[in-house]
Amino acid sequence: MHEYAVMQSLVEAVLETLRKRPPCFVKEVRVTVGEDSGYVVESLKAAYEVLVEGTVLLGSNLLLLPEPGTAVTLQRLVLEEEV
């Protein structure tokens, strides 16, 4: 299942980024998915749900946006800063 490996790399990169900043709540993770990538959106979402268990990403929304090409790319994290 290639989707799991791709999503695992993405989740690891997001978690590494978050470790370098003040604590916050991640509301949304926006990712573009190339229309010619061959990845199944439902499989990417399922992998994300498994991979975020027990992390600060639990409860965040994954938004997958189609775009031309073959890449799967993190576009933006929508954060809510802790007060």
PDB file of N, CA and C in Angstrom:
ATOM      1  N   MET A   1       0.851  -1.180   0.000  1.00  0.00           N
ATOM      2  CA  MET A   1       0.000   0.000   0.000  1.00  0.00           C
ATOM      3  C   MET A   1       0.895   1.241   0.000  1.00  0.00           C
ATOM      4  N   HIS A   2       1.067   1.831  -1.149  1.00  0.00           N
ATOM      5  CA  HIS A   2       1.934   2.993  -1.309  1.00  0.00           C
ATOM      6  C   HIS A   2       1.392   4.220  -0.581  1.00  0.00           C
ATOM      7  N   GLU A   3       0.069   4.308  -0.478  1.00  0.00           N
ATOM      8  CA  GLU A   3      -0.541   5.457   0.185  1.00  0.00           C
ATOM      9  C   GLU A   3      -0.078   5.559   1.644  1.00  0.00           C
ATOM     10  N   TYR A   4       0.048   4.433   2.311  1.00  0.00           N
ATOM     11  CA  TYR A   4       0.466   4.441   3.715  1.00  0.00           C
ATOM     12  C   TYR A   4       1.878   5.014   3.838  1.00  0.00           C
ATOM     13  N   ALA A   5       2.774   4.580   2.988  1.00  0.00           N
ATOM     14  CA  ALA A   5       4.165   5.053   3.050  1.00  0.00           C
ATOM     15  C   ALA A   5       4.254   6.545   2.759  1.00  0.00           C
ATOM     16  N   VAL A   6       3.518   7.012   1.780  1.00  0.00           N
ATOM     17  CA  VAL A   6       3.525   8.443   1.443  1.00  0.00           C
ATOM     18  C   VAL A   6       2.966   9.250   2.604  1.00  0.00           C
ATOM     19  N   MET A   7       1.872   8.799   3.164  1.00  0.00           N
ATOM     20  CA  MET A   7       1.255   9.531   4.269  1.00  0.00           C
ATOM     21  C   MET A   7       2.128   9.461   5.518  1.00  0.00           C
ATOM     22  N   GLN A   8       2.814   8.348   5.731  1.00  0.00           N
ATOM     23  CA  GLN A   8       3.711   8.229   6.883  1.00  0.00           C
ATOM     24  C   GLN A   8       4.831   9.269   6.793  1.00  0.00           C
ATOM     25  N   SER A   9       5.405   9.441   5.620  1.00  0.00           N
ATOM     26  CA  SER A   9       6.454  10.447   5.433  1.00  0.00           C
ATOM     27  C   SER A   9       5.909  11.849   5.685  1.00  0.00           C
ATOM     28  N   LEU A  10       4.715  12.110   5.200  1.00  0.00           N
ATOM     29  CA  LEU A  10       4.115  13.426   5.384  1.00  0.00           C
ATOM     30  C   LEU A  10       3.827  13.698   6.854  1.00  0.00           C
ATOM     31  N   VAL A  11       3.243  12.737   7.557  1.00  0.00           N
ATOM     32  CA  VAL A  11       2.926  12.905   8.980  1.00  0.00           C
ATOM     33  C   VAL A  11       4.208  13.100   9.779  1.00  0.00           C
ATOM     34  N   GLU A  12       5.244  12.339   9.486  1.00  0.00           N
ATOM     35  CA  GLU A  12       6.525  12.499  10.185  1.00  0.00           C
ATOM     36  C   GLU A  12       7.098  13.896   9.968  1.00  0.00           C
ATOM     37  N   ALA A  13       7.005  14.408   8.750  1.00  0.00           N
ATOM     38  CA  ALA A  13       7.512  15.747   8.454  1.00  0.00           C
ATOM     39  C   ALA A  13       6.719  16.810   9.210  1.00  0.00           C
ATOM     40  N   VAL A  14       5.406  16.654   9.270  1.00  0.00           N
ATOM     41  CA  VAL A  14       4.566  17.607  10.001  1.00  0.00           C
ATOM     42  C   VAL A  14       4.914  17.579  11.484  1.00  0.00           C
ATOM     43  N   LEU A  15       5.041  16.384  12.052  1.00  0.00           N
ATOM     44  CA  LEU A  15       5.360  16.276  13.477  1.00  0.00           C
ATOM     45  C   LEU A  15       6.724  16.882  13.789  1.00  0.00           C
ATOM     46  N   GLU A  16       7.679  16.706  12.916  1.00  0.00           N
ATOM     47  CA  GLU A  16       9.006  17.297  13.112  1.00  0.00           C
ATOM     48  C   GLU A  16       8.917  18.822  13.085  1.00  0.00           C
ATOM     49  N   THR A  17       8.148  19.362  12.172  1.00  0.00           N
ATOM     50  CA  THR A  17       7.937  20.808  12.098  1.00  0.00           C
ATOM     51  C   THR A  17       7.291  21.324  13.377  1.00  0.00           C
ATOM     52  N   LEU A  18       6.302  20.604  13.867  1.00  0.00           N
ATOM     53  CA  LEU A  18       5.585  21.038  15.066  1.00  0.00           C
ATOM     54  C   LEU A  18       6.458  20.979  16.319  1.00  0.00           C
ATOM     55  N   ARG A  19       7.421  20.078  16.364  1.00  0.00           N
ATOM     56  CA  ARG A  19       8.322  19.976  17.518  1.00  0.00           C
ATOM     57  C   ARG A  19       9.192  21.225  17.669  1.00  0.00           C
ATOM     58  N   LYS A  20       9.355  21.964  16.590  1.00  0.00           N
ATOM     59  CA  LYS A  20      10.237  23.132  16.585  1.00  0.00           C
ATOM     60  C   LYS A  20       9.505  24.434  16.912  1.00  0.00           C
ATOM     61  N   ARG A  21       8.235  24.365  17.247  1.00  0.00           N
ATOM     62  CA  ARG A  21       7.467  25.576  17.507  1.00  0.00           C
ATOM     63  C   ARG A  21       6.704  25.458  18.815  1.00  0.00           C
ATOM     64  N   PRO A  22       6.165  26.558  19.307  1.00  0.00           N
ATOM     65  CA  PRO A  22       5.390  26.497  20.550  1.00  0.00           C
ATOM     66  C   PRO A  22       4.180  25.568  20.387  1.00  0.00           C
ATOM     67  N   PRO A  23       3.710  25.001  21.494  1.00  0.00           N
ATOM     68  CA  PRO A  23       2.552  24.104  21.424  1.00  0.00           C
ATOM     69  C   PRO A  23       1.348  24.788  20.765  1.00  0.00           C
ATOM     70  N   CYS A  24       0.626  24.023  19.999  1.00  0.00           N
ATOM     71  CA  CYS A  24      -0.557  24.542  19.327  1.00  0.00           C
ATOM     72  C   CYS A  24      -1.486  23.388  18.992  1.00  0.00           C
ATOM     73  N   PHE A  25      -2.691  23.723  18.610  1.00  0.00           N
ATOM     74  CA  PHE A  25      -3.668  22.739  18.164  1.00  0.00           C
ATOM     75  C   PHE A  25      -3.696  22.791  16.640  1.00  0.00           C
ATOM     76  N   VAL A  26      -3.562  21.644  15.996  1.00  0.00           N
ATOM     77  CA  VAL A  26      -3.606  21.576  14.536  1.00  0.00           C
ATOM     78  C   VAL A  26      -5.057  21.344  14.129  1.00  0.00           C
ATOM     79  N   LYS A  27      -5.628  22.330  13.487  1.00  0.00           N
ATOM     80  CA  LYS A  27      -7.014  22.242  13.042  1.00  0.00           C
ATOM     81  C   LYS A  27      -7.130  21.494  11.714  1.00  0.00           C
ATOM     82  N   GLU A  28      -6.183  21.770  10.809  1.00  0.00           N
ATOM     83  CA  GLU A  28      -6.289  21.196   9.469  1.00  0.00           C
ATOM     84  C   GLU A  28      -4.916  21.015   8.845  1.00  0.00           C
ATOM     85  N   VAL A  29      -4.770  19.928   8.103  1.00  0.00           N
ATOM     86  CA  VAL A  29      -3.571  19.661   7.320  1.00  0.00           C
ATOM     87  C   VAL A  29      -4.013  19.633   5.860  1.00  0.00           C
ATOM     88  N   ARG A  30      -3.490  20.578   5.073  1.00  0.00           N
ATOM     89  CA  ARG A  30      -3.862  20.673   3.660  1.00  0.00           C
ATOM     90  C   ARG A  30      -2.754  20.086   2.797  1.00  0.00           C
ATOM     91  N   VAL A  31      -3.161  19.166   1.939  1.00  0.00           N
ATOM     92  CA  VAL A  31      -2.208  18.434   1.102  1.00  0.00           C
ATOM     93  C   VAL A  31      -2.729  18.425  -0.335  1.00  0.00           C
ATOM     94  N   THR A  32      -1.839  18.701  -1.283  1.00  0.00           N
ATOM     95  CA  THR A  32      -2.227  18.550  -2.686  1.00  0.00           C
ATOM     96  C   THR A  32      -1.826  17.153  -3.152  1.00  0.00           C
ATOM     97  N   VAL A  33      -2.678  16.587  -3.995  1.00  0.00           N
ATOM     98  CA  VAL A  33      -2.452  15.246  -4.542  1.00  0.00           C
ATOM     99  C   VAL A  33      -2.520  15.352  -6.057  1.00  0.00           C
ATOM    100  N   GLY A  34      -1.426  14.995  -6.707  1.00  0.00           N
ATOM    101  CA  GLY A  34      -1.393  15.041  -8.165  1.00  0.00           C
ATOM    102  C   GLY A  34      -2.428  14.110  -8.776  1.00  0.00           C
ATOM    103  N   GLU A  35      -3.150  14.634  -9.744  1.00  0.00           N
ATOM    104  CA  GLU A  35      -4.200  13.851 -10.400  1.00  0.00           C
ATOM    105  C   GLU A  35      -3.646  12.630 -11.131  1.00  0.00           C
ATOM    106  N   ASP A  36      -2.371  12.664 -11.483  1.00  0.00           N
ATOM    107  CA  ASP A  36      -1.733  11.541 -12.165  1.00  0.00           C
ATOM    108  C   ASP A  36      -0.816  10.742 -11.239  1.00  0.00           C
ATOM    109  N   SER A  37      -0.987  10.925  -9.930  1.00  0.00           N
ATOM    110  CA  SER A  37      -0.117  10.256  -8.961  1.00  0.00           C
ATOM    111  C   SER A  37      -0.440   8.769  -8.817  1.00  0.00           C
ATOM    112  N   GLY A  38      -1.672   8.414  -9.097  1.00  0.00           N
ATOM    113  CA  GLY A  38      -2.086   7.028  -8.924  1.00  0.00           C
ATOM    114  C   GLY A  38      -2.535   6.715  -7.505  1.00  0.00           C
ATOM    115  N   TYR A  39      -2.477   7.685  -6.613  1.00  0.00           N
ATOM    116  CA  TYR A  39      -2.885   7.458  -5.227  1.00  0.00           C
ATOM    117  C   TYR A  39      -4.399   7.545  -5.087  1.00  0.00           C
ATOM    118  N   VAL A  40      -4.945   6.691  -4.242  1.00  0.00           N
ATOM    119  CA  VAL A  40      -6.377   6.659  -3.974  1.00  0.00           C
ATOM    120  C   VAL A  40      -6.639   7.547  -2.759  1.00  0.00           C
ATOM    121  N   VAL A  41      -7.457   8.571  -2.945  1.00  0.00           N
ATOM    122  CA  VAL A  41      -7.717   9.555  -1.896  1.00  0.00           C
ATOM    123  C   VAL A  41      -8.247   8.888  -0.630  1.00  0.00           C
ATOM    124  N   GLU A  42      -9.155   7.943  -0.762  1.00  0.00           N
ATOM    125  CA  GLU A  42      -9.719   7.265   0.407  1.00  0.00           C
ATOM    126  C   GLU A  42      -8.643   6.507   1.171  1.00  0.00           C
ATOM    127  N   SER A  43      -7.682   5.935   0.468  1.00  0.00           N
ATOM    128  CA  SER A  43      -6.581   5.214   1.122  1.00  0.00           C
ATOM    129  C   SER A  43      -5.634   6.172   1.832  1.00  0.00           C
ATOM    130  N   LEU A  44      -5.404   7.344   1.241  1.00  0.00           N
ATOM    131  CA  LEU A  44      -4.577   8.347   1.904  1.00  0.00           C
ATOM    132  C   LEU A  44      -5.244   8.799   3.203  1.00  0.00           C
ATOM    133  N   LYS A  45      -6.558   9.022   3.152  1.00  0.00           N
ATOM    134  CA  LYS A  45      -7.290   9.443   4.352  1.00  0.00           C
ATOM    135  C   LYS A  45      -7.258   8.359   5.423  1.00  0.00           C
ATOM    136  N   ALA A  46      -7.443   7.108   5.021  1.00  0.00           N
ATOM    137  CA  ALA A  46      -7.430   5.999   5.978  1.00  0.00           C
ATOM    138  C   ALA A  46      -6.051   5.880   6.633  1.00  0.00           C
ATOM    139  N   ALA A  47      -5.003   6.018   5.852  1.00  0.00           N
ATOM    140  CA  ALA A  47      -3.648   5.949   6.398  1.00  0.00           C
ATOM    141  C   ALA A  47      -3.417   7.088   7.383  1.00  0.00           C
ATOM    142  N   TYR A  48      -3.883   8.278   7.057  1.00  0.00           N
ATOM    143  CA  TYR A  48      -3.732   9.436   7.942  1.00  0.00           C
ATOM    144  C   TYR A  48      -4.393   9.163   9.286  1.00  0.00           C
ATOM    145  N   GLU A  49      -5.597   8.646   9.263  1.00  0.00           N
ATOM    146  CA  GLU A  49      -6.327   8.382  10.508  1.00  0.00           C
ATOM    147  C   GLU A  49      -5.568   7.398  11.402  1.00  0.00           C
ATOM    148  N   VAL A  50      -4.948   6.407  10.819  1.00  0.00           N
ATOM    149  CA  VAL A  50      -4.165   5.435  11.595  1.00  0.00           C
ATOM    150  C   VAL A  50      -2.896   6.088  12.141  1.00  0.00           C
ATOM    151  N   LEU A  51      -2.220   6.852  11.301  1.00  0.00           N
ATOM    152  CA  LEU A  51      -0.924   7.421  11.664  1.00  0.00           C
ATOM    153  C   LEU A  51      -0.993   8.540  12.697  1.00  0.00           C
ATOM    154  N   VAL A  52      -2.111   9.248  12.785  1.00  0.00           N
ATOM    155  CA  VAL A  52      -2.196  10.356  13.738  1.00  0.00           C
ATOM    156  C   VAL A  52      -2.631   9.913  15.132  1.00  0.00           C
ATOM    157  N   GLU A  53      -3.047   8.666  15.282  1.00  0.00           N
ATOM    158  CA  GLU A  53      -3.426   8.158  16.604  1.00  0.00           C
ATOM    159  C   GLU A  53      -2.277   8.368  17.575  1.00  0.00           C
ATOM    160  N   GLY A  54      -2.576   8.952  18.727  1.00  0.00           N
ATOM    161  CA  GLY A  54      -1.568   9.155  19.755  1.00  0.00           C
ATOM    162  C   GLY A  54      -0.617  10.314  19.493  1.00  0.00           C
ATOM    163  N   THR A  55      -0.917  11.155  18.508  1.00  0.00           N
ATOM    164  CA  THR A  55      -0.061  12.305  18.210  1.00  0.00           C
ATOM    165  C   THR A  55      -0.857  13.601  18.378  1.00  0.00           C
ATOM    166  N   VAL A  56      -0.154  14.724  18.280  1.00  0.00           N
ATOM    167  CA  VAL A  56      -0.822  16.019  18.360  1.00  0.00           C
ATOM    168  C   VAL A  56      -1.706  16.285  17.146  1.00  0.00           C
ATOM    169  N   LEU A  57      -1.615  15.454  16.137  1.00  0.00           N
ATOM    170  CA  LEU A  57      -2.460  15.611  14.949  1.00  0.00           C
ATOM    171  C   LEU A  57      -3.835  14.965  15.109  1.00  0.00           C
ATOM    172  N   LEU A  58      -4.001  14.185  16.163  1.00  0.00           N
ATOM    173  CA  LEU A  58      -5.289  13.544  16.396  1.00  0.00           C
ATOM    174  C   LEU A  58      -6.367  14.615  16.509  1.00  0.00           C
ATOM    175  N   GLY A  59      -7.435  14.456  15.771  1.00  0.00           N
ATOM    176  CA  GLY A  59      -8.530  15.418  15.778  1.00  0.00           C
ATOM    177  C   GLY A  59      -8.423  16.463  14.681  1.00  0.00           C
ATOM    178  N   SER A  60      -7.304  16.491  13.981  1.00  0.00           N
ATOM    179  CA  SER A  60      -7.157  17.450  12.885  1.00  0.00           C
ATOM    180  C   SER A  60      -7.879  16.932  11.644  1.00  0.00           C
ATOM    181  N   ASN A  61      -8.248  17.869  10.799  1.00  0.00           N
ATOM    182  CA  ASN A  61      -8.906  17.539   9.547  1.00  0.00           C
ATOM    183  C   ASN A  61      -7.855  17.453   8.443  1.00  0.00           C
ATOM    184  N   LEU A  62      -7.925  16.405   7.636  1.00  0.00           N
ATOM    185  CA  LEU A  62      -7.044  16.269   6.477  1.00  0.00           C
ATOM    186  C   LEU A  62      -7.825  16.715   5.249  1.00  0.00           C
ATOM    187  N   LEU A  63      -7.323  17.738   4.577  1.00  0.00           N
ATOM    188  CA  LEU A  63      -7.948  18.237   3.358  1.00  0.00           C
ATOM    189  C   LEU A  63      -7.039  17.887   2.193  1.00  0.00           C
ATOM    190  N   LEU A  64      -7.534  17.045   1.295  1.00  0.00           N
ATOM    191  CA  LEU A  64      -6.763  16.622   0.129  1.00  0.00           C
ATOM    192  C   LEU A  64      -7.285  17.370  -1.090  1.00  0.00           C
ATOM    193  N   LEU A  65      -6.406  18.128  -1.716  1.00  0.00           N
ATOM    194  CA  LEU A  65      -6.770  18.969  -2.850  1.00  0.00           C
ATOM    195  C   LEU A  65      -6.126  18.442  -4.121  1.00  0.00           C
ATOM    196  N   PRO A  66      -6.928  18.177  -5.155  1.00  0.00           N
ATOM    197  CA  PRO A  66      -6.342  17.695  -6.415  1.00  0.00           C
ATOM    198  C   PRO A  66      -5.606  18.818  -7.145  1.00  0.00           C
ATOM    199  N   GLU A  67      -4.545  18.425  -7.849  1.00  0.00           N
ATOM    200  CA  GLU A  67      -3.825  19.369  -8.708  1.00  0.00           C
ATOM    201  C   GLU A  67      -3.170  18.574  -9.828  1.00  0.00           C
ATOM    202  N   PRO A  68      -2.825  19.229 -10.921  1.00  0.00           N
ATOM    203  CA  PRO A  68      -2.136  18.522 -12.006  1.00  0.00           C
ATOM    204  C   PRO A  68      -0.794  17.973 -11.520  1.00  0.00           C
ATOM    205  N   GLY A  69      -0.383  16.863 -12.075  1.00  0.00           N
ATOM    206  CA  GLY A  69       0.926  16.319 -11.757  1.00  0.00           C
ATOM    207  C   GLY A  69       0.868  15.011 -11.013  1.00  0.00           C
ATOM    208  N   THR A  70       2.004  14.648 -10.415  1.00  0.00           N
ATOM    209  CA  THR A  70       2.127  13.348  -9.757  1.00  0.00           C
ATOM    210  C   THR A  70       2.531  13.439  -8.290  1.00  0.00           C
ATOM    211  N   ALA A  71       2.763  14.641  -7.791  1.00  0.00           N
ATOM    212  CA  ALA A  71       3.284  14.803  -6.431  1.00  0.00           C
ATOM    213  C   ALA A  71       2.178  14.843  -5.378  1.00  0.00           C
ATOM    214  N   VAL A  72       2.558  14.432  -4.172  1.00  0.00           N
ATOM    215  CA  VAL A  72       1.738  14.615  -2.979  1.00  0.00           C
ATOM    216  C   VAL A  72       2.535  15.581  -2.106  1.00  0.00           C
ATOM    217  N   THR A  73       1.960  16.759  -1.833  1.00  0.00           N
ATOM    218  CA  THR A  73       2.732  17.833  -1.208  1.00  0.00           C
ATOM    219  C   THR A  73       1.958  18.487  -0.074  1.00  0.00           C
ATOM    220  N   LEU A  74       2.628  18.671   1.044  1.00  0.00           N
ATOM    221  CA  LEU A  74       2.032  19.424   2.138  1.00  0.00           C
ATOM    222  C   LEU A  74       1.949  20.879   1.709  1.00  0.00           C
ATOM    223  N   GLN A  75       0.760  21.454   1.774  1.00  0.00           N
ATOM    224  CA  GLN A  75       0.574  22.846   1.385  1.00  0.00           C
ATOM    225  C   GLN A  75       0.512  23.794   2.573  1.00  0.00           C
ATOM    226  N   ARG A  76      -0.207  23.371   3.624  1.00  0.00           N
ATOM    227  CA  ARG A  76      -0.406  24.297   4.732  1.00  0.00           C
ATOM    228  C   ARG A  76      -0.904  23.567   5.965  1.00  0.00           C
ATOM    229  N   LEU A  77      -0.478  24.048   7.114  1.00  0.00           N
ATOM    230  CA  LEU A  77      -1.041  23.623   8.387  1.00  0.00           C
ATOM    231  C   LEU A  77      -1.881  24.775   8.923  1.00  0.00           C
ATOM    232  N   VAL A  78      -3.106  24.478   9.296  1.00  0.00           N
ATOM    233  CA  VAL A  78      -3.955  25.498   9.898  1.00  0.00           C
ATOM    234  C   VAL A  78      -3.900  25.239  11.402  1.00  0.00           C
ATOM    235  N   LEU A  79      -3.339  26.213  12.129  1.00  0.00           N
ATOM    236  CA  LEU A  79      -3.074  26.048  13.556  1.00  0.00           C
ATOM    237  C   LEU A  79      -3.930  26.986  14.392  1.00  0.00           C
ATOM    238  N   GLU A  80      -4.202  26.548  15.596  1.00  0.00           N
ATOM    239  CA  GLU A  80      -4.819  27.401  16.600  1.00  0.00           C
ATOM    240  C   GLU A  80      -3.841  27.452  17.761  1.00  0.00           C
ATOM    241  N   GLU A  81      -3.257  28.595  17.985  1.00  0.00           N
ATOM    242  CA  GLU A  81      -2.244  28.738  19.025  1.00  0.00           C
ATOM    243  C   GLU A  81      -2.863  28.516  20.397  1.00  0.00           C
ATOM    244  N   GLU A  82      -2.123  27.842  21.263  1.00  0.00           N
ATOM    245  CA  GLU A  82      -2.567  27.674  22.643  1.00  0.00           C
ATOM    246  C   GLU A  82      -2.442  29.007  23.363  1.00  0.00           C
ATOM    247  N   VAL A  83      -3.388  29.271  24.213  1.00  0.00           N
ATOM    248  CA  VAL A  83      -3.381  30.533  24.972  1.00  0.00           C
ATOM    249  C   VAL A  83      -2.829  30.289  26.351  1.00  0.00           C
TER     250      VAL A  83
END
